[in-house]
Amino acid sequence: MLKGLLCSVTMLGLIAVSPAFAESAAQADCTDANMMNANATIAKLPDGDNKTMAMKEMDMAKNSRGNAKSEDCKMHLNKAIDMSKPK
């Protein structure tokens, strides 16, 4: 009985964590194409706080990319992409 309960709890934990792994695997890398696509999408946003913040994230991504900080670039690029998605 205890063994079955332990297995069930473990499986539920794995199922709950799976979307987080899938989401992190789907993050965009700092390629020229991804940077251009993100810039184009952000340019189409209506003026406002969301667009301003997305543009700041893109600036930080560009700066990080120029300084060969690929993980920082990726983080900022993906934040900018998230901000440009319709809510």
C-alpha atoms as a PDB file:
ATOM      1  CA  MET A   1       0.000   0.000   0.000  1.00  0.00           C
ATOM      2  CA  LEU A   2       2.744   2.447   0.990  1.00  0.00           C
ATOM      3  CA  LYS A   3       4.755   1.413  -2.062  1.00  0.00           C
ATOM      4  CA  GLY A   4       1.803   2.164  -4.353  1.00  0.00           C
ATOM      5  CA  LEU A   5       1.247   5.553  -2.756  1.00  0.00           C
ATOM      6  CA  LEU A   6       4.921   6.419  -3.098  1.00  0.00           C
ATOM      7  CA  CYS A   7       4.873   5.466  -6.787  1.00  0.00           C
ATOM      8  CA  SER A   8       1.763   7.583  -7.377  1.00  0.00           C
ATOM      9  CA  VAL A   9       3.284  10.631  -5.685  1.00  0.00           C
ATOM     10  CA  THR A  10       6.505  10.209  -7.673  1.00  0.00           C
ATOM     11  CA  MET A  11       4.622   9.978 -10.966  1.00  0.00           C
ATOM     12  CA  LEU A  12       2.552  13.071 -10.182  1.00  0.00           C
ATOM     13  CA  GLY A  13       5.751  14.942  -9.385  1.00  0.00           C
ATOM     14  CA  LEU A  14       7.304  13.942 -12.700  1.00  0.00           C
ATOM     15  CA  ILE A  15       4.196  14.953 -14.606  1.00  0.00           C
ATOM     16  CA  ALA A  16       4.125  18.335 -12.871  1.00  0.00           C
ATOM     17  CA  VAL A  17       7.788  19.037 -13.704  1.00  0.00           C
ATOM     18  CA  SER A  18       7.621  17.918 -17.349  1.00  0.00           C
ATOM     19  CA  PRO A  19       6.124  21.164 -18.751  1.00  0.00           C
ATOM     20  CA  ALA A  20       8.918  23.176 -17.140  1.00  0.00           C
ATOM     21  CA  PHE A  21      11.534  21.091 -18.938  1.00  0.00           C
ATOM     22  CA  ALA A  22       9.647  21.358 -22.219  1.00  0.00           C
ATOM     23  CA  GLU A  23       9.371  25.127 -21.856  1.00  0.00           C
ATOM     24  CA  SER A  24      13.053  25.638 -21.098  1.00  0.00           C
ATOM     25  CA  ALA A  25      14.020  23.459 -24.049  1.00  0.00           C
ATOM     26  CA  ALA A  26      11.929  25.649 -26.364  1.00  0.00           C
ATOM     27  CA  GLN A  27      13.811  28.854 -25.577  1.00  0.00           C
ATOM     28  CA  ALA A  28      15.280  30.803 -28.451  1.00  0.00           C
ATOM     29  CA  ASP A  29      19.034  31.067 -28.931  1.00  0.00           C
ATOM     30  CA  CYS A  30      20.722  34.356 -29.806  1.00  0.00           C
ATOM     31  CA  THR A  31      21.002  33.791 -33.523  1.00  0.00           C
ATOM     32  CA  ASP A  32      20.748  36.600 -36.063  1.00  0.00           C
ATOM     33  CA  ALA A  33      17.406  35.238 -37.241  1.00  0.00           C
ATOM     34  CA  ASN A  34      15.914  35.046 -33.747  1.00  0.00           C
ATOM     35  CA  MET A  35      17.134  38.535 -32.889  1.00  0.00           C
ATOM     36  CA  MET A  36      15.678  39.983 -36.112  1.00  0.00           C
ATOM     37  CA  ASN A  37      12.353  38.178 -35.627  1.00  0.00           C
ATOM     38  CA  ALA A  38      12.071  39.410 -32.046  1.00  0.00           C
ATOM     39  CA  ASN A  39      12.869  42.982 -33.117  1.00  0.00           C
ATOM     40  CA  ALA A  40      10.243  42.840 -35.870  1.00  0.00           C
ATOM     41  CA  THR A  41       7.616  41.492 -33.491  1.00  0.00           C
ATOM     42  CA  ILE A  42       8.405  44.116 -30.851  1.00  0.00           C
ATOM     43  CA  ALA A  43       8.243  46.901 -33.464  1.00  0.00           C
ATOM     44  CA  LYS A  44       4.635  45.879 -34.199  1.00  0.00           C
ATOM     45  CA  LEU A  45       3.577  46.204 -30.553  1.00  0.00           C
ATOM     46  CA  PRO A  46       1.456  49.209 -29.624  1.00  0.00           C
ATOM     47  CA  ASP A  47       3.360  51.897 -27.741  1.00  0.00           C
ATOM     48  CA  GLY A  48       3.309  51.398 -24.008  1.00  0.00           C
ATOM     49  CA  ASP A  49       5.094  49.877 -21.048  1.00  0.00           C
ATOM     50  CA  ASN A  50       5.188  46.387 -22.538  1.00  0.00           C
ATOM     51  CA  LYS A  51       6.885  47.576 -25.723  1.00  0.00           C
ATOM     52  CA  THR A  52       9.323  49.742 -23.756  1.00  0.00           C
ATOM     53  CA  MET A  53      10.324  46.861 -21.485  1.00  0.00           C
ATOM     54  CA  ALA A  54      10.650  44.453 -24.429  1.00  0.00           C
ATOM     55  CA  MET A  55      12.918  46.942 -26.214  1.00  0.00           C
ATOM     56  CA  LYS A  56      15.077  47.276 -23.083  1.00  0.00           C
ATOM     57  CA  GLU A  57      15.379  43.484 -22.876  1.00  0.00           C
ATOM     58  CA  MET A  58      16.441  43.396 -26.536  1.00  0.00           C
ATOM     59  CA  ASP A  59      19.063  46.079 -25.867  1.00  0.00           C
ATOM     60  CA  MET A  60      20.417  44.003 -22.994  1.00  0.00           C
ATOM     61  CA  ALA A  61      20.379  40.894 -25.213  1.00  0.00           C
ATOM     62  CA  LYS A  62      22.358  42.725 -27.899  1.00  0.00           C
ATOM     63  CA  ASN A  63      24.833  44.005 -25.332  1.00  0.00           C
ATOM     64  CA  SER A  64      25.291  40.532 -23.838  1.00  0.00           C
ATOM     65  CA  ARG A  65      25.741  39.025 -27.282  1.00  0.00           C
ATOM     66  CA  GLY A  66      28.387  41.611 -28.116  1.00  0.00           C
ATOM     67  CA  ASN A  67      30.227  40.713 -24.923  1.00  0.00           C
ATOM     68  CA  ALA A  68      30.088  36.979 -25.704  1.00  0.00           C
ATOM     69  CA  LYS A  69      27.729  36.256 -22.788  1.00  0.00           C
ATOM     70  CA  SER A  70      25.478  33.800 -24.598  1.00  0.00           C
ATOM     71  CA  GLU A  71      23.450  32.675 -21.563  1.00  0.00           C
ATOM     72  CA  ASP A  72      22.673  36.282 -20.600  1.00  0.00           C
ATOM     73  CA  CYS A  73      21.765  37.041 -24.206  1.00  0.00           C
ATOM     74  CA  LYS A  74      19.446  34.052 -24.337  1.00  0.00           C
ATOM     75  CA  MET A  75      17.764  35.045 -21.067  1.00  0.00           C
ATOM     76  CA  HIS A  76      17.114  38.637 -22.205  1.00  0.00           C
ATOM     77  CA  LEU A  77      16.009  37.574 -25.687  1.00  0.00           C
ATOM     78  CA  ASN A  78      13.477  35.149 -24.267  1.00  0.00           C
ATOM     79  CA  LYS A  79      12.154  37.759 -21.826  1.00  0.00           C
ATOM     80  CA  ALA A  80      11.670  40.131 -24.761  1.00  0.00           C
ATOM     81  CA  ILE A  81       9.895  37.424 -26.748  1.00  0.00           C
ATOM     82  CA  ASP A  82       7.605  36.672 -23.810  1.00  0.00           C
ATOM     83  CA  MET A  83       6.752  40.360 -23.449  1.00  0.00           C
ATOM     84  CA  SER A  84       5.840  40.596 -27.125  1.00  0.00           C
ATOM     85  CA  LYS A  85       3.301  37.757 -26.944  1.00  0.00           C
ATOM     86  CA  PRO A  86      -0.363  38.731 -26.765  1.00  0.00           C
ATOM     87  CA  LYS A  87      -1.846  38.217 -23.338  1.00  0.00           C
END
